[in-house]
Structure formats: structure tokens, C-alpha cells
């Protein structure tokens, strides 16, 4: 579970990110981000009923995304609010695929330092 300070909770904050945030698209994920002045990274995960009508499936996707974010959060740099939303097809992704897509996108967003091999 994400720490409380890393969660984006208030409707006004979420609306602000939806309206003014910059979008990054993946095949089944979308990330909207907006810089903040707090010095921390906060995020919210949105899984709509278009992905699956079953709450069990939506919650499973949400838990996987939050777990990836929890593990990567200490390595992130910057200060942004972000919303991670899913598209149809996200229910078919494994944990490893979600992790790979989020790592690639966070690197493109310059929040995660690229790993030299």
C-alpha cells in the first residue's frame, strides 16, 4: 500500500491533474502528470468499469499498479501529482507486464533515472 503522503485523494486535486496535466500513453495505461510544489510524488489509480464490470478484477488491477508504484517510489525524483488510469485490455496484463510498462513510462517522464546496462 502506498504511504498516505504519496496518495492523491481530494477530488479537487484529481480534477486539477485531469484538466491541466500532461499525458503519457501506453497500450493499456495512461498517466497524467502535473508538477506540484510539495517536493513529493503523489499518485492516484483509476480503473473504470469499461475495463471490467467485475469489482474483483478492477481491484486486482488497482492493487498491482499500487504495488509497483510503492516499490519504485523511493527511486523516483521530482515533485509531481499523477493519475494512472487503465484502458480496456488491462485485465489481461500480468504483474511483470504492468511493472515493465510503468518503468518505461516513468523513465520517459524523467522521474525514474534510466538504468545503464
Protein backbone atom coordinates (compact mmCIF):
# COMPACT_ATOMS: atom_id res chain seq x y z
CA UNK A 1 0.00 0.00 0.00
CA UNK A 2 1.21 3.49 -0.81
CA UNK A 3 2.07 5.75 2.09
CA UNK A 4 -0.61 8.31 2.92
CA UNK A 5 1.59 11.22 1.87
CA UNK A 6 2.04 9.63 -1.57
CA UNK A 7 -1.70 9.30 -2.26
CA UNK A 8 -3.69 11.79 -4.26
CA UNK A 9 -7.09 11.79 -2.58
CA UNK A 10 -9.02 15.03 -2.83
CA UNK A 11 -11.41 15.40 -5.76
CA UNK A 12 -10.22 18.95 -6.41
CA UNK A 13 -6.61 17.79 -6.70
CA UNK A 14 -7.55 14.93 -9.02
CA UNK A 15 -9.66 17.25 -11.20
CA UNK A 16 -6.76 19.70 -11.43
CA UNK A 17 -4.45 16.95 -12.72
CA UNK A 18 -7.10 15.70 -15.20
CA UNK A 19 -7.61 19.18 -16.63
CA UNK A 20 -4.07 20.60 -16.68
CA UNK A 21 -1.85 17.53 -16.62
CA UNK A 22 0.43 16.24 -19.34
CA UNK A 23 -0.50 12.83 -20.78
CA UNK A 24 1.69 9.82 -21.43
CA UNK A 25 0.06 6.92 -23.27
CA UNK A 26 0.79 3.22 -23.21
CA UNK A 27 -1.20 0.44 -24.92
CA UNK A 28 -3.41 -0.14 -21.87
CA UNK A 29 -2.31 2.55 -19.41
CA UNK A 30 -2.43 6.34 -19.40
CA UNK A 31 -0.53 8.59 -17.00
CA UNK A 32 -1.49 12.23 -16.44
CA UNK A 33 1.06 14.26 -14.52
CA UNK A 34 1.24 17.80 -13.21
CA UNK A 35 4.14 19.33 -11.26
CA UNK A 36 3.44 20.28 -7.64
CA UNK A 37 5.27 22.42 -5.10
CA UNK A 38 5.21 19.89 -2.25
CA UNK A 39 8.52 18.19 -3.01
CA UNK A 40 6.89 14.74 -3.10
CA UNK A 41 5.30 12.48 -5.70
CA UNK A 42 1.64 11.70 -5.20
CA UNK A 43 -0.48 9.39 -7.32
CA UNK A 44 -3.98 8.01 -7.77
CA UNK A 45 -5.02 4.88 -9.69
CA UNK A 46 -8.25 4.84 -11.70
CA UNK A 47 -9.72 1.63 -13.12
CA UNK A 48 -13.08 2.19 -14.78
CA UNK A 49 -15.94 -0.22 -15.40
CA UNK A 50 -15.06 -0.26 -19.11
CA UNK A 51 -12.04 -2.36 -18.18
CA UNK A 52 -14.20 -4.92 -16.37
CA UNK A 53 -17.67 -4.95 -14.89
CA UNK A 54 -16.43 -7.09 -12.01
CA UNK A 55 -15.11 -5.18 -8.99
CA UNK A 56 -12.82 -8.08 -8.10
CA UNK A 57 -10.96 -7.71 -11.40
CA UNK A 58 -10.76 -3.90 -11.15
CA UNK A 59 -9.41 -4.10 -7.59
CA UNK A 60 -6.80 -6.68 -8.63
CA UNK A 61 -5.51 -4.33 -11.35
CA UNK A 62 -5.51 -1.41 -8.90
CA UNK A 63 -3.56 -3.41 -6.30
CA UNK A 64 -0.93 -4.45 -8.85
CA UNK A 65 -0.37 -0.88 -10.05
CA UNK A 66 -0.17 0.45 -6.48
CA UNK A 67 2.35 -2.23 -5.53
CA UNK A 68 4.61 -1.36 -8.47
CA UNK A 69 4.38 2.32 -7.53
CA UNK A 70 5.11 1.55 -3.87
CA UNK A 71 8.28 -0.33 -4.80
CA UNK A 72 9.52 2.26 -7.29
CA UNK A 73 8.57 5.36 -5.24
CA UNK A 74 11.89 5.61 -3.29
CA UNK A 75 13.85 5.82 -6.58
CA UNK A 76 11.66 8.50 -8.18
CA UNK A 77 12.92 12.05 -8.48
CA UNK A 78 10.88 15.18 -8.93
CA UNK A 79 7.72 16.59 -7.50
CA UNK A 80 4.52 15.70 -9.37
CA UNK A 81 0.93 14.66 -8.92
CA UNK A 82 -0.04 11.83 -11.25
CA UNK A 83 -3.08 9.79 -12.16
CA UNK A 84 -2.61 6.33 -13.60
CA UNK A 85 -5.71 5.22 -15.49
CA UNK A 86 -6.32 1.99 -17.35
CA UNK A 87 -7.92 1.12 -20.67
CA UNK A 88 -9.68 -1.99 -21.88
CA UNK A 89 -7.22 -4.87 -22.00
CA UNK A 90 -5.53 -4.06 -18.68
CA UNK A 91 -7.24 -7.08 -17.11
CA UNK A 92 -5.07 -9.35 -19.29
CA UNK A 93 -1.74 -7.87 -18.12
CA UNK A 94 0.43 -9.75 -15.68
CA UNK A 95 2.23 -8.06 -12.82
CA UNK A 96 5.53 -8.18 -14.74
CA UNK A 97 3.99 -6.50 -17.80
CA UNK A 98 2.48 -3.72 -15.69
CA UNK A 99 5.83 -3.24 -13.96
CA UNK A 100 7.70 -3.06 -17.29
CA UNK A 101 5.28 -0.54 -18.81
CA UNK A 102 5.31 1.71 -15.75
CA UNK A 103 9.12 1.63 -15.56
CA UNK A 104 9.42 2.62 -19.24
CA UNK A 105 6.92 5.44 -18.89
CA UNK A 106 8.36 6.81 -15.66
CA UNK A 107 11.78 6.84 -17.35
CA UNK A 108 10.31 8.76 -20.32
CA UNK A 109 8.77 11.22 -17.86
CA UNK A 110 12.26 11.75 -16.34
CA UNK A 111 11.02 10.69 -12.91
CA UNK A 112 12.94 7.42 -12.83
CA UNK A 113 16.66 7.51 -13.62
CA UNK A 114 17.47 5.26 -16.58
CA UNK A 115 19.30 2.10 -15.63
CA UNK A 116 22.56 1.64 -17.52
CA UNK A 117 23.24 -1.94 -18.58
